[in-house]
Amino acid sequence: MDDRSHFGDQTQDVVDHERTYHAFSILVRWCMLAIGNTIFWLTLWFASPAGFWGATIASIVTFVLGYLILVRHEEKQPLDIWMKGR
């Protein structure tokens, strides 16, 4: 029962739906990263002694980390949801 053969083949509608959901998921992750990083940058710039350059450097670092953790991981996921390791 673990081989998932009882689900049948993927039709073109299912594949299209998976691609659309995958694209939407990546778009949402990019938006989360951009909005969160902007709020972080503005908070550091105006509400801390870090100043403009300190906030900018910290925001660049957090943006790169956020990209690696949030976006890059999801972009490399296979579309086949039944694939091992997904």
PDB file of N, CA and C in Angstrom:
ATOM      1  N   MET A   1       0.819  -1.196   0.000  1.00  0.00           N
ATOM      2  CA  MET A   1       0.000   0.000   0.000  1.00  0.00           C
ATOM      3  C   MET A   1       0.860   1.256   0.000  1.00  0.00           C
ATOM      4  N   ASP A   2       2.140   1.116   0.312  1.00  0.00           N
ATOM      5  CA  ASP A   2       3.005   2.282   0.395  1.00  0.00           C
ATOM      6  C   ASP A   2       3.515   2.744  -0.966  1.00  0.00           C
ATOM      7  N   ASP A   3       3.286   1.960  -2.025  1.00  0.00           N
ATOM      8  CA  ASP A   3       3.797   2.339  -3.337  1.00  0.00           C
ATOM      9  C   ASP A   3       2.915   3.382  -4.029  1.00  0.00           C
ATOM     10  N   ARG A   4       1.789   3.691  -3.471  1.00  0.00           N
ATOM     11  CA  ARG A   4       0.855   4.716  -3.950  1.00  0.00           C
ATOM     12  C   ARG A   4       0.289   4.421  -5.340  1.00  0.00           C
ATOM     13  N   SER A   5       0.290   3.164  -5.736  1.00  0.00           N
ATOM     14  CA  SER A   5      -0.230   2.809  -7.054  1.00  0.00           C
ATOM     15  C   SER A   5      -1.758   2.972  -7.116  1.00  0.00           C
ATOM     16  N   HIS A   6      -2.403   3.017  -5.980  1.00  0.00           N
ATOM     17  CA  HIS A   6      -3.858   3.138  -5.970  1.00  0.00           C
ATOM     18  C   HIS A   6      -4.330   4.540  -6.350  1.00  0.00           C
ATOM     19  N   PHE A   7      -3.396   5.496  -6.503  1.00  0.00           N
ATOM     20  CA  PHE A   7      -3.793   6.844  -6.894  1.00  0.00           C
ATOM     21  C   PHE A   7      -3.892   6.996  -8.409  1.00  0.00           C
ATOM     22  N   GLY A   8      -3.321   6.104  -9.146  1.00  0.00           N
ATOM     23  CA  GLY A   8      -3.409   6.163 -10.597  1.00  0.00           C
ATOM     24  C   GLY A   8      -2.403   7.135 -11.202  1.00  0.00           C
ATOM     25  N   ASP A   9      -2.521   7.300 -12.529  1.00  0.00           N
ATOM     26  CA  ASP A   9      -1.619   8.201 -13.236  1.00  0.00           C
ATOM     27  C   ASP A   9      -2.064   9.646 -13.055  1.00  0.00           C
ATOM     28  N   GLN A  10      -1.103  10.552 -13.210  1.00  0.00           N
ATOM     29  CA  GLN A  10      -1.445  11.967 -13.122  1.00  0.00           C
ATOM     30  C   GLN A  10      -1.973  12.433 -14.472  1.00  0.00           C
ATOM     31  N   THR A  11      -3.131  13.039 -14.460  1.00  0.00           N
ATOM     32  CA  THR A  11      -3.689  13.580 -15.695  1.00  0.00           C
ATOM     33  C   THR A  11      -3.099  14.961 -15.938  1.00  0.00           C
ATOM     34  N   GLN A  12      -3.353  15.501 -17.128  1.00  0.00           N
ATOM     35  CA  GLN A  12      -2.820  16.816 -17.470  1.00  0.00           C
ATOM     36  C   GLN A  12      -3.425  17.903 -16.576  1.00  0.00           C
ATOM     37  N   ASP A  13      -4.677  17.735 -16.177  1.00  0.00           N
ATOM     38  CA  ASP A  13      -5.303  18.713 -15.279  1.00  0.00           C
ATOM     39  C   ASP A  13      -4.598  18.752 -13.931  1.00  0.00           C
ATOM     40  N   VAL A  14      -4.232  17.600 -13.423  1.00  0.00           N
ATOM     41  CA  VAL A  14      -3.539  17.527 -12.140  1.00  0.00           C
ATOM     42  C   VAL A  14      -2.162  18.169 -12.252  1.00  0.00           C
ATOM     43  N   VAL A  15      -1.451  17.904 -13.332  1.00  0.00           N
ATOM     44  CA  VAL A  15      -0.125  18.479 -13.534  1.00  0.00           C
ATOM     45  C   VAL A  15      -0.226  19.998 -13.665  1.00  0.00           C
ATOM     46  N   ASP A  16      -1.219  20.480 -14.413  1.00  0.00           N
ATOM     47  CA  ASP A  16      -1.414  21.932 -14.542  1.00  0.00           C
ATOM     48  C   ASP A  16      -1.725  22.562 -13.191  1.00  0.00           C
ATOM     49  N   HIS A  17      -2.551  21.892 -12.412  1.00  0.00           N
ATOM     50  CA  HIS A  17      -2.881  22.402 -11.087  1.00  0.00           C
ATOM     51  C   HIS A  17      -1.636  22.447 -10.199  1.00  0.00           C
ATOM     52  N   GLU A  18      -0.816  21.420 -10.249  1.00  0.00           N
ATOM     53  CA  GLU A  18       0.408  21.384  -9.443  1.00  0.00           C
ATOM     54  C   GLU A  18       1.361  22.498  -9.850  1.00  0.00           C
ATOM     55  N   ARG A  19       1.495  22.740 -11.152  1.00  0.00           N
ATOM     56  CA  ARG A  19       2.370  23.818 -11.625  1.00  0.00           C
ATOM     57  C   ARG A  19       1.855  25.180 -11.185  1.00  0.00           C
ATOM     58  N   THR A  20       0.554  25.388 -11.273  1.00  0.00           N
ATOM     59  CA  THR A  20      -0.024  26.657 -10.851  1.00  0.00           C
ATOM     60  C   THR A  20       0.160  26.863  -9.351  1.00  0.00           C
ATOM     61  N   TYR A  21      -0.090  25.839  -8.568  1.00  0.00           N
ATOM     62  CA  TYR A  21       0.077  25.946  -7.121  1.00  0.00           C
ATOM     63  C   TYR A  21       1.538  26.170  -6.760  1.00  0.00           C
ATOM     64  N   HIS A  22       2.440  25.496  -7.468  1.00  0.00           N
ATOM     65  CA  HIS A  22       3.869  25.666  -7.222  1.00  0.00           C
ATOM     66  C   HIS A  22       4.288  27.111  -7.499  1.00  0.00           C
ATOM     67  N   ALA A  23       3.824  27.675  -8.624  1.00  0.00           N
ATOM     68  CA  ALA A  23       4.136  29.067  -8.956  1.00  0.00           C
ATOM     69  C   ALA A  23       3.543  30.020  -7.922  1.00  0.00           C
ATOM     70  N   PHE A  24       2.312  29.778  -7.489  1.00  0.00           N
ATOM     71  CA  PHE A  24       1.682  30.610  -6.476  1.00  0.00           C
ATOM     72  C   PHE A  24       2.442  30.528  -5.154  1.00  0.00           C
ATOM     73  N   SER A  25       2.873  29.346  -4.790  1.00  0.00           N
ATOM     74  CA  SER A  25       3.626  29.163  -3.547  1.00  0.00           C
ATOM     75  C   SER A  25       4.938  29.937  -3.592  1.00  0.00           C
ATOM     76  N   ILE A  26       5.623  29.899  -4.710  1.00  0.00           N
ATOM     77  CA  ILE A  26       6.880  30.640  -4.830  1.00  0.00           C
ATOM     78  C   ILE A  26       6.612  32.141  -4.801  1.00  0.00           C
ATOM     79  N   LEU A  27       5.548  32.601  -5.463  1.00  0.00           N
ATOM     80  CA  LEU A  27       5.196  34.021  -5.432  1.00  0.00           C
ATOM     81  C   LEU A  27       4.899  34.490  -4.014  1.00  0.00           C
ATOM     82  N   VAL A  28       4.153  33.697  -3.267  1.00  0.00           N
ATOM     83  CA  VAL A  28       3.840  34.051  -1.877  1.00  0.00           C
ATOM     84  C   VAL A  28       5.106  34.109  -1.040  1.00  0.00           C
ATOM     85  N   ARG A  29       6.019  33.188  -1.254  1.00  0.00           N
ATOM     86  CA  ARG A  29       7.284  33.198  -0.502  1.00  0.00           C
ATOM     87  C   ARG A  29       8.110  34.427  -0.826  1.00  0.00           C
ATOM     88  N   TRP A  30       8.168  34.822  -2.112  1.00  0.00           N
ATOM     89  CA  TRP A  30       8.890  36.041  -2.475  1.00  0.00           C
ATOM     90  C   TRP A  30       8.246  37.264  -1.817  1.00  0.00           C
ATOM     91  N   CYS A  31       6.927  37.327  -1.807  1.00  0.00           N
ATOM     92  CA  CYS A  31       6.226  38.452  -1.177  1.00  0.00           C
ATOM     93  C   CYS A  31       6.476  38.487   0.328  1.00  0.00           C
ATOM     94  N   MET A  32       6.435  37.334   0.979  1.00  0.00           N
ATOM     95  CA  MET A  32       6.729  37.277   2.415  1.00  0.00           C
ATOM     96  C   MET A  32       8.133  37.777   2.697  1.00  0.00           C
ATOM     97  N   LEU A  33       9.074  37.359   1.888  1.00  0.00           N
ATOM     98  CA  LEU A  33      10.459  37.768   2.071  1.00  0.00           C
ATOM     99  C   LEU A  33      10.621  39.268   1.853  1.00  0.00           C
ATOM    100  N   ALA A  34      10.021  39.808   0.815  1.00  0.00           N
ATOM    101  CA  ALA A  34      10.151  41.239   0.517  1.00  0.00           C
ATOM    102  C   ALA A  34       9.495  42.101   1.591  1.00  0.00           C
ATOM    103  N   ILE A  35       8.290  41.755   1.994  1.00  0.00           N
ATOM    104  CA  ILE A  35       7.586  42.552   3.005  1.00  0.00           C
ATOM    105  C   ILE A  35       8.284  42.457   4.357  1.00  0.00           C
ATOM    106  N   GLY A  36       8.656  41.257   4.753  1.00  0.00           N
ATOM    107  CA  GLY A  36       9.342  41.086   6.032  1.00  0.00           C
ATOM    108  C   GLY A  36      10.679  41.797   6.066  1.00  0.00           C
ATOM    109  N   ASN A  37      11.415  41.724   4.981  1.00  0.00           N
ATOM    110  CA  ASN A  37      12.710  42.375   4.926  1.00  0.00           C
ATOM    111  C   ASN A  37      12.573  43.895   4.910  1.00  0.00           C
ATOM    112  N   THR A  38      11.561  44.409   4.243  1.00  0.00           N
ATOM    113  CA  THR A  38      11.324  45.853   4.238  1.00  0.00           C
ATOM    114  C   THR A  38      10.968  46.356   5.634  1.00  0.00           C
ATOM    115  N   ILE A  39      10.108  45.639   6.331  1.00  0.00           N
ATOM    116  CA  ILE A  39       9.755  46.030   7.705  1.00  0.00           C
ATOM    117  C   ILE A  39      10.985  45.971   8.601  1.00  0.00           C
ATOM    118  N   PHE A  40      11.803  44.941   8.455  1.00  0.00           N
ATOM    119  CA  PHE A  40      13.030  44.812   9.239  1.00  0.00           C
ATOM    120  C   PHE A  40      13.973  45.980   8.952  1.00  0.00           C
ATOM    121  N   TRP A  41      14.143  46.323   7.686  1.00  0.00           N
ATOM    122  CA  TRP A  41      15.026  47.417   7.285  1.00  0.00           C
ATOM    123  C   TRP A  41      14.540  48.756   7.837  1.00  0.00           C
ATOM    124  N   LEU A  42      13.254  49.028   7.689  1.00  0.00           N
ATOM    125  CA  LEU A  42      12.711  50.297   8.191  1.00  0.00           C
ATOM    126  C   LEU A  42      12.796  50.380   9.712  1.00  0.00           C
ATOM    127  N   THR A  43      12.557  49.280  10.393  1.00  0.00           N
ATOM    128  CA  THR A  43      12.651  49.264  11.853  1.00  0.00           C
ATOM    129  C   THR A  43      14.074  49.536  12.308  1.00  0.00           C
ATOM    130  N   LEU A  44      15.027  48.893  11.682  1.00  0.00           N
ATOM    131  CA  LEU A  44      16.420  49.135  12.062  1.00  0.00           C
ATOM    132  C   LEU A  44      16.853  50.562  11.735  1.00  0.00           C
ATOM    133  N   TRP A  45      16.403  51.083  10.612  1.00  0.00           N
ATOM    134  CA  TRP A  45      16.822  52.414  10.195  1.00  0.00           C
ATOM    135  C   TRP A  45      16.249  53.499  11.113  1.00  0.00           C
ATOM    136  N   PHE A  46      14.958  53.433  11.399  1.00  0.00           N
ATOM    137  CA  PHE A  46      14.308  54.520  12.124  1.00  0.00           C
ATOM    138  C   PHE A  46      14.165  54.284  13.625  1.00  0.00           C
ATOM    139  N   ALA A  47      14.183  53.055  14.091  1.00  0.00           N
ATOM    140  CA  ALA A  47      13.895  52.799  15.500  1.00  0.00           C
ATOM    141  C   ALA A  47      15.072  52.195  16.255  1.00  0.00           C
ATOM    142  N   SER A  48      16.264  52.286  15.686  1.00  0.00           N
ATOM    143  CA  SER A  48      17.436  51.780  16.384  1.00  0.00           C
ATOM    144  C   SER A  48      18.637  52.659  16.031  1.00  0.00           C
ATOM    145  N   PRO A  49      19.689  52.551  16.795  1.00  0.00           N
ATOM    146  CA  PRO A  49      20.866  53.362  16.481  1.00  0.00           C
ATOM    147  C   PRO A  49      21.702  52.802  15.319  1.00  0.00           C
ATOM    148  N   ALA A  50      21.221  51.806  14.610  1.00  0.00           N
ATOM    149  CA  ALA A  50      21.992  51.212  13.518  1.00  0.00           C
ATOM    150  C   ALA A  50      22.189  52.187  12.367  1.00  0.00           C
ATOM    151  N   GLY A  51      21.218  53.053  12.123  1.00  0.00           N
ATOM    152  CA  GLY A  51      21.320  53.995  11.020  1.00  0.00           C
ATOM    153  C   GLY A  51      21.028  53.353   9.678  1.00  0.00           C
ATOM    154  N   PHE A  52      21.215  54.169   8.638  1.00  0.00           N
ATOM    155  CA  PHE A  52      20.889  53.707   7.286  1.00  0.00           C
ATOM    156  C   PHE A  52      21.795  52.562   6.845  1.00  0.00           C
ATOM    157  N   TRP A  53      23.100  52.738   6.967  1.00  0.00           N
ATOM    158  CA  TRP A  53      24.032  51.729   6.471  1.00  0.00           C
ATOM    159  C   TRP A  53      23.981  50.441   7.292  1.00  0.00           C
ATOM    160  N   GLY A  54      23.842  50.556   8.578  1.00  0.00           N
ATOM    161  CA  GLY A  54      23.713  49.358   9.406  1.00  0.00           C
ATOM    162  C   GLY A  54      22.459  48.576   9.068  1.00  0.00           C
ATOM    163  N   ALA A  55      21.357  49.299   8.879  1.00  0.00           N
ATOM    164  CA  ALA A  55      20.100  48.641   8.516  1.00  0.00           C
ATOM    165  C   ALA A  55      20.189  48.006   7.133  1.00  0.00           C
ATOM    166  N   THR A  56      20.855  48.681   6.216  1.00  0.00           N
ATOM    167  CA  THR A  56      20.978  48.157   4.855  1.00  0.00           C
ATOM    168  C   THR A  56      21.824  46.881   4.832  1.00  0.00           C
ATOM    169  N   ILE A  57      22.938  46.887   5.542  1.00  0.00           N
ATOM    170  CA  ILE A  57      23.795  45.703   5.576  1.00  0.00           C
ATOM    171  C   ILE A  57      23.071  44.530   6.243  1.00  0.00           C
ATOM    172  N   ALA A  58      22.413  44.798   7.374  1.00  0.00           N
ATOM    173  CA  ALA A  58      21.674  43.736   8.061  1.00  0.00           C
ATOM    174  C   ALA A  58      20.533  43.207   7.189  1.00  0.00           C
ATOM    175  N   SER A  59      19.881  44.082   6.445  1.00  0.00           N
ATOM    176  CA  SER A  59      18.782  43.653   5.582  1.00  0.00           C
ATOM    177  C   SER A  59      19.267  42.818   4.412  1.00  0.00           C
ATOM    178  N   ILE A  60      20.422  43.162   3.869  1.00  0.00           N
ATOM    179  CA  ILE A  60      20.972  42.358   2.775  1.00  0.00           C
ATOM    180  C   ILE A  60      21.291  40.952   3.266  1.00  0.00           C
ATOM    181  N   VAL A  61      21.877  40.870   4.450  1.00  0.00           N
ATOM    182  CA  VAL A  61      22.211  39.563   5.021  1.00  0.00           C
ATOM    183  C   VAL A  61      20.947  38.742   5.273  1.00  0.00           C
ATOM    184  N   THR A  62      19.940  39.360   5.871  1.00  0.00           N
ATOM    185  CA  THR A  62      18.704  38.614   6.142  1.00  0.00           C
ATOM    186  C   THR A  62      17.960  38.264   4.861  1.00  0.00           C
ATOM    187  N   PHE A  63      18.077  39.104   3.835  1.00  0.00           N
ATOM    188  CA  PHE A  63      17.439  38.788   2.560  1.00  0.00           C
ATOM    189  C   PHE A  63      18.074  37.542   1.939  1.00  0.00           C
ATOM    190  N   VAL A  64      19.396  37.479   1.956  1.00  0.00           N
ATOM    191  CA  VAL A  64      20.086  36.316   1.396  1.00  0.00           C
ATOM    192  C   VAL A  64      19.735  35.050   2.180  1.00  0.00           C
ATOM    193  N   LEU A  65      19.740  35.144   3.502  1.00  0.00           N
ATOM    194  CA  LEU A  65      19.365  33.984   4.319  1.00  0.00           C
ATOM    195  C   LEU A  65      17.916  33.580   4.068  1.00  0.00           C
ATOM    196  N   GLY A  66      17.030  34.546   3.986  1.00  0.00           N
ATOM    197  CA  GLY A  66      15.623  34.265   3.709  1.00  0.00           C
ATOM    198  C   GLY A  66      15.428  33.624   2.353  1.00  0.00           C
ATOM    199  N   TYR A  67      16.186  34.098   1.361  1.00  0.00           N
ATOM    200  CA  TYR A  67      16.104  33.491   0.032  1.00  0.00           C
ATOM    201  C   TYR A  67      16.538  32.028   0.075  1.00  0.00           C
ATOM    202  N   LEU A  68      17.649  31.772   0.744  1.00  0.00           N
ATOM    203  CA  LEU A  68      18.151  30.403   0.801  1.00  0.00           C
ATOM    204  C   LEU A  68      17.185  29.476   1.536  1.00  0.00           C
ATOM    205  N   ILE A  69      16.569  29.976   2.603  1.00  0.00           N
ATOM    206  CA  ILE A  69      15.694  29.135   3.416  1.00  0.00           C
ATOM    207  C   ILE A  69      14.283  29.046   2.837  1.00  0.00           C
ATOM    208  N   LEU A  70      13.714  30.170   2.426  1.00  0.00           N
ATOM    209  CA  LEU A  70      12.316  30.188   1.980  1.00  0.00           C
ATOM    210  C   LEU A  70      12.119  29.855   0.510  1.00  0.00           C
ATOM    211  N   VAL A  71      12.836  30.550  -0.355  1.00  0.00           N
ATOM    212  CA  VAL A  71      12.523  30.489  -1.777  1.00  0.00           C
ATOM    213  C   VAL A  71      13.294  29.387  -2.492  1.00  0.00           C
ATOM    214  N   ARG A  72      14.578  29.349  -2.317  1.00  0.00           N
ATOM    215  CA  ARG A  72      15.406  28.404  -3.065  1.00  0.00           C
ATOM    216  C   ARG A  72      15.011  26.959  -2.790  1.00  0.00           C
ATOM    217  N   HIS A  73      14.708  26.660  -1.547  1.00  0.00           N
ATOM    218  CA  HIS A  73      14.303  25.296  -1.185  1.00  0.00           C
ATOM    219  C   HIS A  73      13.042  24.880  -1.941  1.00  0.00           C
ATOM    220  N   GLU A  74      12.069  25.770  -2.018  1.00  0.00           N
ATOM    221  CA  GLU A  74      10.804  25.437  -2.676  1.00  0.00           C
ATOM    222  C   GLU A  74      10.961  25.376  -4.194  1.00  0.00           C
ATOM    223  N   GLU A  75      11.813  26.230  -4.774  1.00  0.00           N
ATOM    224  CA  GLU A  75      11.993  26.216  -6.217  1.00  0.00           C
ATOM    225  C   GLU A  75      12.571  24.894  -6.701  1.00  0.00           C
ATOM    226  N   LYS A  76      13.352  24.240  -5.878  1.00  0.00           N
ATOM    227  CA  LYS A  76      14.015  22.997  -6.279  1.00  0.00           C
ATOM    228  C   LYS A  76      13.171  21.753  -6.000  1.00  0.00           C
ATOM    229  N   GLN A  77      12.001  21.913  -5.403  1.00  0.00           N
ATOM    230  CA  GLN A  77      11.142  20.769  -5.122  1.00  0.00           C
ATOM    231  C   GLN A  77      10.537  20.242  -6.419  1.00  0.00           C
ATOM    232  N   PRO A  78      10.450  18.936  -6.584  1.00  0.00           N
ATOM    233  CA  PRO A  78       9.830  18.381  -7.793  1.00  0.00           C
ATOM    234  C   PRO A  78       8.317  18.603  -7.779  1.00  0.00           C
ATOM    235  N   LEU A  79       7.743  18.678  -8.968  1.00  0.00           N
ATOM    236  CA  LEU A  79       6.299  18.876  -9.062  1.00  0.00           C
ATOM    237  C   LEU A  79       5.510  17.632  -8.670  1.00  0.00           C
ATOM    238  N   ASP A  80       6.093  16.470  -8.866  1.00  0.00           N
ATOM    239  CA  ASP A  80       5.405  15.224  -8.542  1.00  0.00           C
ATOM    240  C   ASP A  80       5.324  15.077  -7.026  1.00  0.00           C
ATOM    241  N   ILE A  81       4.138  15.260  -6.467  1.00  0.00           N
ATOM    242  CA  ILE A  81       3.999  15.238  -5.017  1.00  0.00           C
ATOM    243  C   ILE A  81       4.163  13.845  -4.419  1.00  0.00           C
ATOM    244  N   TRP A  82       4.115  12.806  -5.263  1.00  0.00           N
ATOM    245  CA  TRP A  82       4.272  11.442  -4.755  1.00  0.00           C
ATOM    246  C   TRP A  82       5.713  10.967  -4.842  1.00  0.00           C
ATOM    247  N   MET A  83       6.608  11.837  -5.295  1.00  0.00           N
ATOM    248  CA  MET A  83       8.011  11.455  -5.420  1.00  0.00           C
ATOM    249  C   MET A  83       8.626  11.293  -4.028  1.00  0.00           C
ATOM    250  N   LYS A  84       9.503  10.340  -3.901  1.00  0.00           N
ATOM    251  CA  LYS A  84      10.157  10.074  -2.623  1.00  0.00           C
ATOM    252  C   LYS A  84      10.998  11.277  -2.221  1.00  0.00           C
ATOM    253  N   GLY A  85      10.926  11.659  -0.959  1.00  0.00           N
ATOM    254  CA  GLY A  85      11.705  12.773  -0.455  1.00  0.00           C
ATOM    255  C   GLY A  85      10.984  14.106  -0.529  1.00  0.00           C
ATOM    256  N   ARG A  86       9.785  14.127  -1.053  1.00  0.00           N
ATOM    257  CA  ARG A  86       9.017  15.373  -1.167  1.00  0.00           C
ATOM    258  C   ARG A  86       8.329  15.641   0.123  1.00  0.00           C
TER     259      ARG A  86
END
